Amino acid sequence: MGLCCLLSSHSYAAETAKTMAEPTQKMTKAIKKKSTDMQKVNINNASVEELQALKGIGQAKAKAIVDYRTKNGKFTDLQQLTMVTGIGDKLVSQNTENMSF
């Protein structure tokens, strides 16, 4: 009888763990889908607030992008962003799929 209860409680614990993990997995998939479905940010038209939707771009970097754009004109390619203070190759590559110009 003890072995029966032990096996029964083991399968119950495994089933409970599986049931509890399902919502987490669904949430993770939703977050990944949302991040890949992000609407592209046009770096030539975006406001400071809109630029902050990009990964690694806070208020200071977004303002630097707008200031650079105002002073030097529209960006013609993404690599030009590296001319902005605080923006490097890594930041550009992280956001390549989410930016347009």
PDB file of N, CA and C in Angstrom:
ATOM      1  N   MET A   1       0.824  -1.190   0.000  1.00  0.00           N
ATOM      2  CA  MET A   1       0.000   0.000   0.000  1.00  0.00           C
ATOM      3  C   MET A   1       0.871   1.257   0.000  1.00  0.00           C
ATOM      4  N   GLY A   2       1.964   1.256   0.721  1.00  0.00           N
ATOM      5  CA  GLY A   2       2.850   2.406   0.773  1.00  0.00           C
ATOM      6  C   GLY A   2       3.449   2.709  -0.586  1.00  0.00           C
ATOM      7  N   LEU A   3       3.820   1.669  -1.340  1.00  0.00           N
ATOM      8  CA  LEU A   3       4.398   1.855  -2.664  1.00  0.00           C
ATOM      9  C   LEU A   3       3.373   2.439  -3.621  1.00  0.00           C
ATOM     10  N   CYS A   4       2.139   1.996  -3.527  1.00  0.00           N
ATOM     11  CA  CYS A   4       1.058   2.504  -4.369  1.00  0.00           C
ATOM     12  C   CYS A   4       0.859   3.998  -4.145  1.00  0.00           C
ATOM     13  N   CYS A   5       0.844   4.408  -2.877  1.00  0.00           N
ATOM     14  CA  CYS A   5       0.654   5.825  -2.559  1.00  0.00           C
ATOM     15  C   CYS A   5       1.843   6.654  -3.021  1.00  0.00           C
ATOM     16  N   LEU A   6       3.045   6.099  -2.885  1.00  0.00           N
ATOM     17  CA  LEU A   6       4.256   6.792  -3.301  1.00  0.00           C
ATOM     18  C   LEU A   6       4.233   7.020  -4.807  1.00  0.00           C
ATOM     19  N   LEU A   7       3.887   5.993  -5.570  1.00  0.00           N
ATOM     20  CA  LEU A   7       3.817   6.130  -7.026  1.00  0.00           C
ATOM     21  C   LEU A   7       2.722   7.104  -7.432  1.00  0.00           C
ATOM     22  N   SER A   8       1.605   7.020  -6.746  1.00  0.00           N
ATOM     23  CA  SER A   8       0.482   7.894  -7.055  1.00  0.00           C
ATOM     24  C   SER A   8       0.833   9.356  -6.794  1.00  0.00           C
ATOM     25  N   SER A   9       1.486   9.640  -5.677  1.00  0.00           N
ATOM     26  CA  SER A   9       1.849  11.021  -5.360  1.00  0.00           C
ATOM     27  C   SER A   9       2.941  11.522  -6.290  1.00  0.00           C
ATOM     28  N   HIS A  10       3.820  10.635  -6.744  1.00  0.00           N
ATOM     29  CA  HIS A  10       4.877  11.029  -7.682  1.00  0.00           C
ATOM     30  C   HIS A  10       4.258  11.470  -9.009  1.00  0.00           C
ATOM     31  N   SER A  11       3.302  10.688  -9.531  1.00  0.00           N
ATOM     32  CA  SER A  11       2.684  11.049 -10.803  1.00  0.00           C
ATOM     33  C   SER A  11       1.828  12.315 -10.654  1.00  0.00           C
ATOM     34  N   TYR A  12       1.216  12.492  -9.485  1.00  0.00           N
ATOM     35  CA  TYR A  12       0.439  13.707  -9.231  1.00  0.00           C
ATOM     36  C   TYR A  12       1.357  14.929  -9.247  1.00  0.00           C
ATOM     37  N   ALA A  13       2.519  14.809  -8.607  1.00  0.00           N
ATOM     38  CA  ALA A  13       3.470  15.929  -8.567  1.00  0.00           C
ATOM     39  C   ALA A  13       3.976  16.247  -9.966  1.00  0.00           C
ATOM     40  N   ALA A  14       4.244  15.225 -10.763  1.00  0.00           N
ATOM     41  CA  ALA A  14       4.727  15.448 -12.129  1.00  0.00           C
ATOM     42  C   ALA A  14       3.644  16.132 -12.970  1.00  0.00           C
ATOM     43  N   GLU A  15       2.405  15.681 -12.821  1.00  0.00           N
ATOM     44  CA  GLU A  15       1.297  16.272 -13.567  1.00  0.00           C
ATOM     45  C   GLU A  15       1.061  17.725 -13.140  1.00  0.00           C
ATOM     46  N   THR A  16       1.160  17.995 -11.844  1.00  0.00           N
ATOM     47  CA  THR A  16       0.982  19.356 -11.332  1.00  0.00           C
ATOM     48  C   THR A  16       2.074  20.272 -11.868  1.00  0.00           C
ATOM     49  N   ALA A  17       3.306  19.792 -11.869  1.00  0.00           N
ATOM     50  CA  ALA A  17       4.412  20.601 -12.382  1.00  0.00           C
ATOM     51  C   ALA A  17       4.209  20.911 -13.860  1.00  0.00           C
ATOM     52  N   LYS A  18       3.751  19.915 -14.616  1.00  0.00           N
ATOM     53  CA  LYS A  18       3.506  20.114 -16.045  1.00  0.00           C
ATOM     54  C   LYS A  18       2.388  21.146 -16.256  1.00  0.00           C
ATOM     55  N   THR A  19       1.323  21.015 -15.490  1.00  0.00           N
ATOM     56  CA  THR A  19       0.190  21.933 -15.602  1.00  0.00           C
ATOM     57  C   THR A  19       0.598  23.359 -15.250  1.00  0.00           C
ATOM     58  N   MET A  20       1.434  23.501 -14.246  1.00  0.00           N
ATOM     59  CA  MET A  20       1.864  24.842 -13.827  1.00  0.00           C
ATOM     60  C   MET A  20       2.841  25.447 -14.818  1.00  0.00           C
ATOM     61  N   ALA A  21       3.592  24.614 -15.532  1.00  0.00           N
ATOM     62  CA  ALA A  21       4.583  25.118 -16.481  1.00  0.00           C
ATOM     63  C   ALA A  21       3.936  25.606 -17.774  1.00  0.00           C
ATOM     64  N   GLU A  22       2.777  25.059 -18.129  1.00  0.00           N
ATOM     65  CA  GLU A  22       2.137  25.418 -19.393  1.00  0.00           C
ATOM     66  C   GLU A  22       1.854  26.917 -19.533  1.00  0.00           C
ATOM     67  N   PRO A  23       1.255  27.588 -18.541  1.00  0.00           N
ATOM     68  CA  PRO A  23       1.023  29.039 -18.703  1.00  0.00           C
ATOM     69  C   PRO A  23       2.322  29.819 -18.873  1.00  0.00           C
ATOM     70  N   THR A  24       3.373  29.399 -18.178  1.00  0.00           N
ATOM     71  CA  THR A  24       4.664  30.076 -18.297  1.00  0.00           C
ATOM     72  C   THR A  24       5.210  29.928 -19.709  1.00  0.00           C
ATOM     73  N   GLN A  25       5.098  28.730 -20.262  1.00  0.00           N
ATOM     74  CA  GLN A  25       5.578  28.500 -21.628  1.00  0.00           C
ATOM     75  C   GLN A  25       4.772  29.311 -22.629  1.00  0.00           C
ATOM     76  N   LYS A  26       3.469  29.398 -22.428  1.00  0.00           N
ATOM     77  CA  LYS A  26       2.631  30.188 -23.331  1.00  0.00           C
ATOM     78  C   LYS A  26       2.998  31.668 -23.253  1.00  0.00           C
ATOM     79  N   MET A  27       3.257  32.156 -22.041  1.00  0.00           N
ATOM     80  CA  MET A  27       3.631  33.561 -21.852  1.00  0.00           C
ATOM     81  C   MET A  27       4.969  33.842 -22.526  1.00  0.00           C
ATOM     82  N   THR A  28       5.926  32.932 -22.378  1.00  0.00           N
ATOM     83  CA  THR A  28       7.236  33.098 -22.998  1.00  0.00           C
ATOM     84  C   THR A  28       7.100  33.168 -24.514  1.00  0.00           C
ATOM     85  N   LYS A  29       6.286  32.285 -25.088  1.00  0.00           N
ATOM     86  CA  LYS A  29       6.071  32.310 -26.530  1.00  0.00           C
ATOM     87  C   LYS A  29       5.424  33.618 -26.960  1.00  0.00           C
ATOM     88  N   ALA A  30       4.473  34.101 -26.184  1.00  0.00           N
ATOM     89  CA  ALA A  30       3.795  35.360 -26.516  1.00  0.00           C
ATOM     90  C   ALA A  30       4.766  36.528 -26.484  1.00  0.00           C
ATOM     91  N   ILE A  31       5.640  36.545 -25.491  1.00  0.00           N
ATOM     92  CA  ILE A  31       6.633  37.622 -25.397  1.00  0.00           C
ATOM     93  C   ILE A  31       7.586  37.567 -26.575  1.00  0.00           C
ATOM     94  N   LYS A  32       8.057  36.371 -26.929  1.00  0.00           N
ATOM     95  CA  LYS A  32       8.960  36.236 -28.075  1.00  0.00           C
ATOM     96  C   LYS A  32       8.269  36.679 -29.350  1.00  0.00           C
ATOM     97  N   LYS A  33       7.010  36.280 -29.528  1.00  0.00           N
ATOM     98  CA  LYS A  33       6.270  36.668 -30.718  1.00  0.00           C
ATOM     99  C   LYS A  33       6.090  38.171 -30.761  1.00  0.00           C
ATOM    100  N   LYS A  34       5.773  38.776 -29.631  1.00  0.00           N
ATOM    101  CA  LYS A  34       5.576  40.223 -29.582  1.00  0.00           C
ATOM    102  C   LYS A  34       6.856  40.954 -29.940  1.00  0.00           C
ATOM    103  N   SER A  35       8.006  40.477 -29.436  1.00  0.00           N
ATOM    104  CA  SER A  35       9.261  41.162 -29.726  1.00  0.00           C
ATOM    105  C   SER A  35       9.660  41.007 -31.182  1.00  0.00           C
ATOM    106  N   THR A  36       9.312  39.864 -31.813  1.00  0.00           N
ATOM    107  CA  THR A  36       9.651  39.707 -33.213  1.00  0.00           C
ATOM    108  C   THR A  36       8.642  40.392 -34.118  1.00  0.00           C
ATOM    109  N   ASP A  37       7.436  40.638 -33.607  1.00  0.00           N
ATOM    110  CA  ASP A  37       6.404  41.296 -34.387  1.00  0.00           C
ATOM    111  C   ASP A  37       6.417  42.812 -34.206  1.00  0.00           C
ATOM    112  N   MET A  38       7.412  43.320 -33.517  1.00  0.00           N
ATOM    113  CA  MET A  38       7.474  44.753 -33.241  1.00  0.00           C
ATOM    114  C   MET A  38       7.466  45.535 -34.550  1.00  0.00           C
ATOM    115  N   GLN A  39       6.666  46.578 -34.565  1.00  0.00           N
ATOM    116  CA  GLN A  39       6.616  47.435 -35.743  1.00  0.00           C
ATOM    117  C   GLN A  39       7.950  48.163 -35.874  1.00  0.00           C
ATOM    118  N   LYS A  40       8.440  48.284 -37.091  1.00  0.00           N
ATOM    119  CA  LYS A  40       9.728  48.943 -37.310  1.00  0.00           C
ATOM    120  C   LYS A  40       9.650  50.416 -36.949  1.00  0.00           C
ATOM    121  N   VAL A  41      10.738  50.908 -36.397  1.00  0.00           N
ATOM    122  CA  VAL A  41      10.849  52.316 -36.040  1.00  0.00           C
ATOM    123  C   VAL A  41      11.634  53.011 -37.149  1.00  0.00           C
ATOM    124  N   ASN A  42      11.031  54.008 -37.749  1.00  0.00           N
ATOM    125  CA  ASN A  42      11.710  54.769 -38.790  1.00  0.00           C
ATOM    126  C   ASN A  42      12.611  55.795 -38.105  1.00  0.00           C
ATOM    127  N   ILE A  43      13.903  55.575 -38.209  1.00  0.00           N
ATOM    128  CA  ILE A  43      14.846  56.431 -37.478  1.00  0.00           C
ATOM    129  C   ILE A  43      14.921  57.845 -38.024  1.00  0.00           C
ATOM    130  N   ASN A  44      14.381  58.079 -39.206  1.00  0.00           N
ATOM    131  CA  ASN A  44      14.371  59.424 -39.767  1.00  0.00           C
ATOM    132  C   ASN A  44      13.143  60.233 -39.362  1.00  0.00           C
ATOM    133  N   ASN A  45      12.121  59.562 -38.853  1.00  0.00           N
ATOM    134  CA  ASN A  45      10.888  60.255 -38.491  1.00  0.00           C
ATOM    135  C   ASN A  45      10.502  60.089 -37.028  1.00  0.00           C
ATOM    136  N   ALA A  46      11.104  59.130 -36.341  1.00  0.00           N
ATOM    137  CA  ALA A  46      10.685  58.780 -34.978  1.00  0.00           C
ATOM    138  C   ALA A  46      11.016  59.887 -33.978  1.00  0.00           C
ATOM    139  N   SER A  47      10.110  60.042 -33.039  1.00  0.00           N
ATOM    140  CA  SER A  47      10.332  60.978 -31.932  1.00  0.00           C
ATOM    141  C   SER A  47      11.253  60.322 -30.901  1.00  0.00           C
ATOM    142  N   VAL A  48      11.651  61.102 -29.919  1.00  0.00           N
ATOM    143  CA  VAL A  48      12.474  60.572 -28.824  1.00  0.00           C
ATOM    144  C   VAL A  48      11.748  59.405 -28.165  1.00  0.00           C
ATOM    145  N   GLU A  49      10.461  59.557 -27.927  1.00  0.00           N
ATOM    146  CA  GLU A  49       9.674  58.503 -27.273  1.00  0.00           C
ATOM    147  C   GLU A  49       9.609  57.248 -28.124  1.00  0.00           C
ATOM    148  N   GLU A  50       9.402  57.403 -29.422  1.00  0.00           N
ATOM    149  CA  GLU A  50       9.303  56.248 -30.315  1.00  0.00           C
ATOM    150  C   GLU A  50      10.633  55.513 -30.428  1.00  0.00           C
ATOM    151  N   LEU A  51      11.729  56.232 -30.437  1.00  0.00           N
ATOM    152  CA  LEU A  51      13.051  55.605 -30.522  1.00  0.00           C
ATOM    153  C   LEU A  51      13.354  54.755 -29.288  1.00  0.00           C
ATOM    154  N   GLN A  52      12.758  55.110 -28.166  1.00  0.00           N
ATOM    155  CA  GLN A  52      12.988  54.375 -26.929  1.00  0.00           C
ATOM    156  C   GLN A  52      12.380  52.974 -26.951  1.00  0.00           C
ATOM    157  N   ALA A  53      11.583  52.664 -27.948  1.00  0.00           N
ATOM    158  CA  ALA A  53      11.032  51.312 -28.095  1.00  0.00           C
ATOM    159  C   ALA A  53      12.116  50.331 -28.545  1.00  0.00           C
ATOM    160  N   LEU A  54      13.223  50.852 -29.056  1.00  0.00           N
ATOM    161  CA  LEU A  54      14.320  49.997 -29.512  1.00  0.00           C
ATOM    162  C   LEU A  54      15.146  49.503 -28.328  1.00  0.00           C
ATOM    163  N   LYS A  55      15.705  48.325 -28.474  1.00  0.00           N
ATOM    164  CA  LYS A  55      16.506  47.708 -27.423  1.00  0.00           C
ATOM    165  C   LYS A  55      17.760  48.540 -27.152  1.00  0.00           C
ATOM    166  N   GLY A  56      17.954  48.881 -25.892  1.00  0.00           N
ATOM    167  CA  GLY A  56      19.157  49.603 -25.484  1.00  0.00           C
ATOM    168  C   GLY A  56      19.111  51.101 -25.721  1.00  0.00           C
ATOM    169  N   ILE A  57      17.977  51.603 -26.171  1.00  0.00           N
ATOM    170  CA  ILE A  57      17.842  53.045 -26.433  1.00  0.00           C
ATOM    171  C   ILE A  57      16.971  53.662 -25.346  1.00  0.00           C
ATOM    172  N   GLY A  58      17.610  54.449 -24.512  1.00  0.00           N
ATOM    173  CA  GLY A  58      16.885  55.187 -23.484  1.00  0.00           C
ATOM    174  C   GLY A  58      16.671  56.614 -23.947  1.00  0.00           C
ATOM    175  N   GLN A  59      16.264  57.454 -23.028  1.00  0.00           N
ATOM    176  CA  GLN A  59      15.955  58.836 -23.381  1.00  0.00           C
ATOM    177  C   GLN A  59      17.190  59.584 -23.908  1.00  0.00           C
ATOM    178  N   ALA A  60      18.336  59.407 -23.268  1.00  0.00           N
ATOM    179  CA  ALA A  60      19.542  60.141 -23.678  1.00  0.00           C
ATOM    180  C   ALA A  60      19.999  59.747 -25.086  1.00  0.00           C
ATOM    181  N   LYS A  61      20.015  58.454 -25.378  1.00  0.00           N
ATOM    182  CA  LYS A  61      20.443  58.013 -26.712  1.00  0.00           C
ATOM    183  C   LYS A  61      19.416  58.402 -27.764  1.00  0.00           C
ATOM    184  N   ALA A  62      18.145  58.306 -27.426  1.00  0.00           N
ATOM    185  CA  ALA A  62      17.101  58.707 -28.370  1.00  0.00           C
ATOM    186  C   ALA A  62      17.230  60.192 -28.696  1.00  0.00           C
ATOM    187  N   LYS A  63      17.476  61.003 -27.681  1.00  0.00           N
ATOM    188  CA  LYS A  63      17.653  62.444 -27.904  1.00  0.00           C
ATOM    189  C   LYS A  63      18.894  62.713 -28.756  1.00  0.00           C
ATOM    190  N   ALA A  64      19.959  61.944 -28.518  1.00  0.00           N
ATOM    191  CA  ALA A  64      21.185  62.103 -29.315  1.00  0.00           C
ATOM    192  C   ALA A  64      20.926  61.763 -30.782  1.00  0.00           C
ATOM    193  N   ILE A  65      20.104  60.752 -31.036  1.00  0.00           N
ATOM    194  CA  ILE A  65      19.756  60.389 -32.416  1.00  0.00           C
ATOM    195  C   ILE A  65      18.978  61.526 -33.080  1.00  0.00           C
ATOM    196  N   VAL A  66      17.995  62.055 -32.384  1.00  0.00           N
ATOM    197  CA  VAL A  66      17.186  63.156 -32.935  1.00  0.00           C
ATOM    198  C   VAL A  66      18.059  64.388 -33.168  1.00  0.00           C
ATOM    199  N   ASP A  67      18.931  64.700 -32.209  1.00  0.00           N
ATOM    200  CA  ASP A  67      19.817  65.867 -32.360  1.00  0.00           C
ATOM    201  C   ASP A  67      20.754  65.692 -33.551  1.00  0.00           C
ATOM    202  N   TYR A  68      21.319  64.506 -33.698  1.00  0.00           N
ATOM    203  CA  TYR A  68      22.215  64.229 -34.821  1.00  0.00           C
ATOM    204  C   TYR A  68      21.465  64.371 -36.144  1.00  0.00           C
ATOM    205  N   ARG A  69      20.249  63.816 -36.184  1.00  0.00           N
ATOM    206  CA  ARG A  69      19.424  63.864 -37.387  1.00  0.00           C
ATOM    207  C   ARG A  69      19.076  65.315 -37.746  1.00  0.00           C
ATOM    208  N   THR A  70      18.777  66.122 -36.737  1.00  0.00           N
ATOM    209  CA  THR A  70      18.435  67.529 -36.963  1.00  0.00           C
ATOM    210  C   THR A  70      19.635  68.287 -37.527  1.00  0.00           C
ATOM    211  N   LYS A  71      20.801  68.004 -36.995  1.00  0.00           N
ATOM    212  CA  LYS A  71      22.014  68.715 -37.395  1.00  0.00           C
ATOM    213  C   LYS A  71      22.565  68.235 -38.748  1.00  0.00           C
ATOM    214  N   ASN A  72      22.481  66.920 -39.013  1.00  0.00           N
ATOM    215  CA  ASN A  72      23.151  66.336 -40.178  1.00  0.00           C
ATOM    216  C   ASN A  72      22.223  65.832 -41.280  1.00  0.00           C
ATOM    217  N   GLY A  73      20.941  65.898 -41.058  1.00  0.00           N
ATOM    218  CA  GLY A  73      20.003  65.406 -42.065  1.00  0.00           C
ATOM    219  C   GLY A  73      19.643  63.942 -41.837  1.00  0.00           C
ATOM    220  N   LYS A  74      18.809  63.432 -42.716  1.00  0.00           N
ATOM    221  CA  LYS A  74      18.306  62.073 -42.577  1.00  0.00           C
ATOM    222  C   LYS A  74      19.423  61.039 -42.711  1.00  0.00           C
ATOM    223  N   PHE A  75      19.203  59.904 -42.022  1.00  0.00           N
ATOM    224  CA  PHE A  75      20.117  58.777 -42.132  1.00  0.00           C
ATOM    225  C   PHE A  75      19.857  58.084 -43.470  1.00  0.00           C
ATOM    226  N   THR A  76      20.927  57.685 -44.141  1.00  0.00           N
ATOM    227  CA  THR A  76      20.766  56.972 -45.407  1.00  0.00           C
ATOM    228  C   THR A  76      21.033  55.476 -45.249  1.00  0.00           C
ATOM    229  N   ASP A  77      21.695  55.085 -44.171  1.00  0.00           N
ATOM    230  CA  ASP A  77      21.870  53.665 -43.858  1.00  0.00           C
ATOM    231  C   ASP A  77      22.052  53.506 -42.351  1.00  0.00           C
ATOM    232  N   LEU A  78      21.833  52.294 -41.888  1.00  0.00           N
ATOM    233  CA  LEU A  78      21.867  52.051 -40.446  1.00  0.00           C
ATOM    234  C   LEU A  78      23.255  52.257 -39.859  1.00  0.00           C
ATOM    235  N   GLN A  79      24.283  52.035 -40.626  1.00  0.00           N
ATOM    236  CA  GLN A  79      25.650  52.186 -40.118  1.00  0.00           C
ATOM    237  C   GLN A  79      25.931  53.630 -39.711  1.00  0.00           C
ATOM    238  N   GLN A  80      25.232  54.585 -40.298  1.00  0.00           N
ATOM    239  CA  GLN A  80      25.396  55.994 -39.925  1.00  0.00           C
ATOM    240  C   GLN A  80      25.049  56.237 -38.463  1.00  0.00           C
ATOM    241  N   LEU A  81      24.212  55.385 -37.904  1.00  0.00           N
ATOM    242  CA  LEU A  81      23.843  55.537 -36.493  1.00  0.00           C
ATOM    243  C   LEU A  81      25.060  55.466 -35.580  1.00  0.00           C
ATOM    244  N   THR A  82      26.095  54.768 -36.005  1.00  0.00           N
ATOM    245  CA  THR A  82      27.296  54.660 -35.163  1.00  0.00           C
ATOM    246  C   THR A  82      28.023  55.995 -35.043  1.00  0.00           C
ATOM    247  N   MET A  83      27.641  56.961 -35.852  1.00  0.00           N
ATOM    248  CA  MET A  83      28.219  58.299 -35.755  1.00  0.00           C
ATOM    249  C   MET A  83      27.612  59.090 -34.592  1.00  0.00           C
ATOM    250  N   VAL A  84      26.485  58.586 -34.076  1.00  0.00           N
ATOM    251  CA  VAL A  84      25.817  59.225 -32.948  1.00  0.00           C
ATOM    252  C   VAL A  84      26.517  58.822 -31.664  1.00  0.00           C
ATOM    253  N   THR A  85      26.809  59.780 -30.807  1.00  0.00           N
ATOM    254  CA  THR A  85      27.459  59.509 -29.533  1.00  0.00           C
ATOM    255  C   THR A  85      26.648  58.497 -28.726  1.00  0.00           C
ATOM    256  N   GLY A  86      27.317  57.427 -28.304  1.00  0.00           N
ATOM    257  CA  GLY A  86      26.665  56.406 -27.490  1.00  0.00           C
ATOM    258  C   GLY A  86      26.071  55.247 -28.268  1.00  0.00           C
ATOM    259  N   ILE A  87      26.086  55.330 -29.586  1.00  0.00           N
ATOM    260  CA  ILE A  87      25.534  54.262 -30.422  1.00  0.00           C
ATOM    261  C   ILE A  87      26.691  53.545 -31.105  1.00  0.00           C
ATOM    262  N   GLY A  88      26.792  52.252 -30.850  1.00  0.00           N
ATOM    263  CA  GLY A  88      27.866  51.464 -31.452  1.00  0.00           C
ATOM    264  C   GLY A  88      27.330  50.364 -32.352  1.00  0.00           C
ATOM    265  N   ASP A  89      28.253  49.612 -32.931  1.00  0.00           N
ATOM    266  CA  ASP A  89      27.888  48.523 -33.843  1.00  0.00           C
ATOM    267  C   ASP A  89      26.975  47.496 -33.178  1.00  0.00           C
ATOM    268  N   LYS A  90      27.267  47.178 -31.916  1.00  0.00           N
ATOM    269  CA  LYS A  90      26.467  46.170 -31.210  1.00  0.00           C
ATOM    270  C   LYS A  90      25.013  46.615 -31.076  1.00  0.00           C
ATOM    271  N   LEU A  91      24.811  47.855 -30.705  1.00  0.00           N
ATOM    272  CA  LEU A  91      23.451  48.390 -30.542  1.00  0.00           C
ATOM    273  C   LEU A  91      22.705  48.400 -31.875  1.00  0.00           C
ATOM    274  N   VAL A  92      23.404  48.769 -32.938  1.00  0.00           N
ATOM    275  CA  VAL A  92      22.794  48.779 -34.261  1.00  0.00           C
ATOM    276  C   VAL A  92      22.418  47.357 -34.668  1.00  0.00           C
ATOM    277  N   SER A  93      23.322  46.398 -34.462  1.00  0.00           N
ATOM    278  CA  SER A  93      23.031  45.021 -34.876  1.00  0.00           C
ATOM    279  C   SER A  93      21.884  44.411 -34.072  1.00  0.00           C
ATOM    280  N   GLN A  94      21.743  44.798 -32.804  1.00  0.00           N
ATOM    281  CA  GLN A  94      20.644  44.299 -31.975  1.00  0.00           C
ATOM    282  C   GLN A  94      19.286  44.781 -32.476  1.00  0.00           C
ATOM    283  N   ASN A  95      19.272  45.907 -33.154  1.00  0.00           N
ATOM    284  CA  ASN A  95      18.014  46.534 -33.559  1.00  0.00           C
ATOM    285  C   ASN A  95      17.792  46.558 -35.081  1.00  0.00           C
ATOM    286  N   THR A  96      18.675  45.968 -35.836  1.00  0.00           N
ATOM    287  CA  THR A  96      18.598  46.032 -37.293  1.00  0.00           C
ATOM    288  C   THR A  96      17.225  45.661 -37.831  1.00  0.00           C
ATOM    289  N   GLU A  97      16.643  44.597 -37.314  1.00  0.00           N
ATOM    290  CA  GLU A  97      15.346  44.123 -37.828  1.00  0.00           C
ATOM    291  C   GLU A  97      14.189  45.035 -37.419  1.00  0.00           C
ATOM    292  N   ASN A  98      14.404  45.890 -36.445  1.00  0.00           N
ATOM    293  CA  ASN A  98      13.331  46.745 -35.937  1.00  0.00           C
ATOM    294  C   ASN A  98      13.449  48.193 -36.375  1.00  0.00           C
ATOM    295  N   MET A  99      14.401  48.481 -37.268  1.00  0.00           N
ATOM    296  CA  MET A  99      14.595  49.863 -37.704  1.00  0.00           C
ATOM    297  C   MET A  99      14.437  49.975 -39.216  1.00  0.00           C
ATOM    298  N   SER A 100      13.968  51.112 -39.624  1.00  0.00           N
ATOM    299  CA  SER A 100      13.915  51.454 -41.049  1.00  0.00           C
ATOM    300  C   SER A 100      14.326  52.913 -41.178  1.00  0.00           C
ATOM    301  N   PHE A 101      14.525  53.348 -42.419  1.00  0.00           N
ATOM    302  CA  PHE A 101      14.869  54.756 -42.639  1.00  0.00           C
ATOM    303  C   PHE A 101      14.361  55.204 -43.979  1.00  0.00           C
TER     304      PHE A 101
END
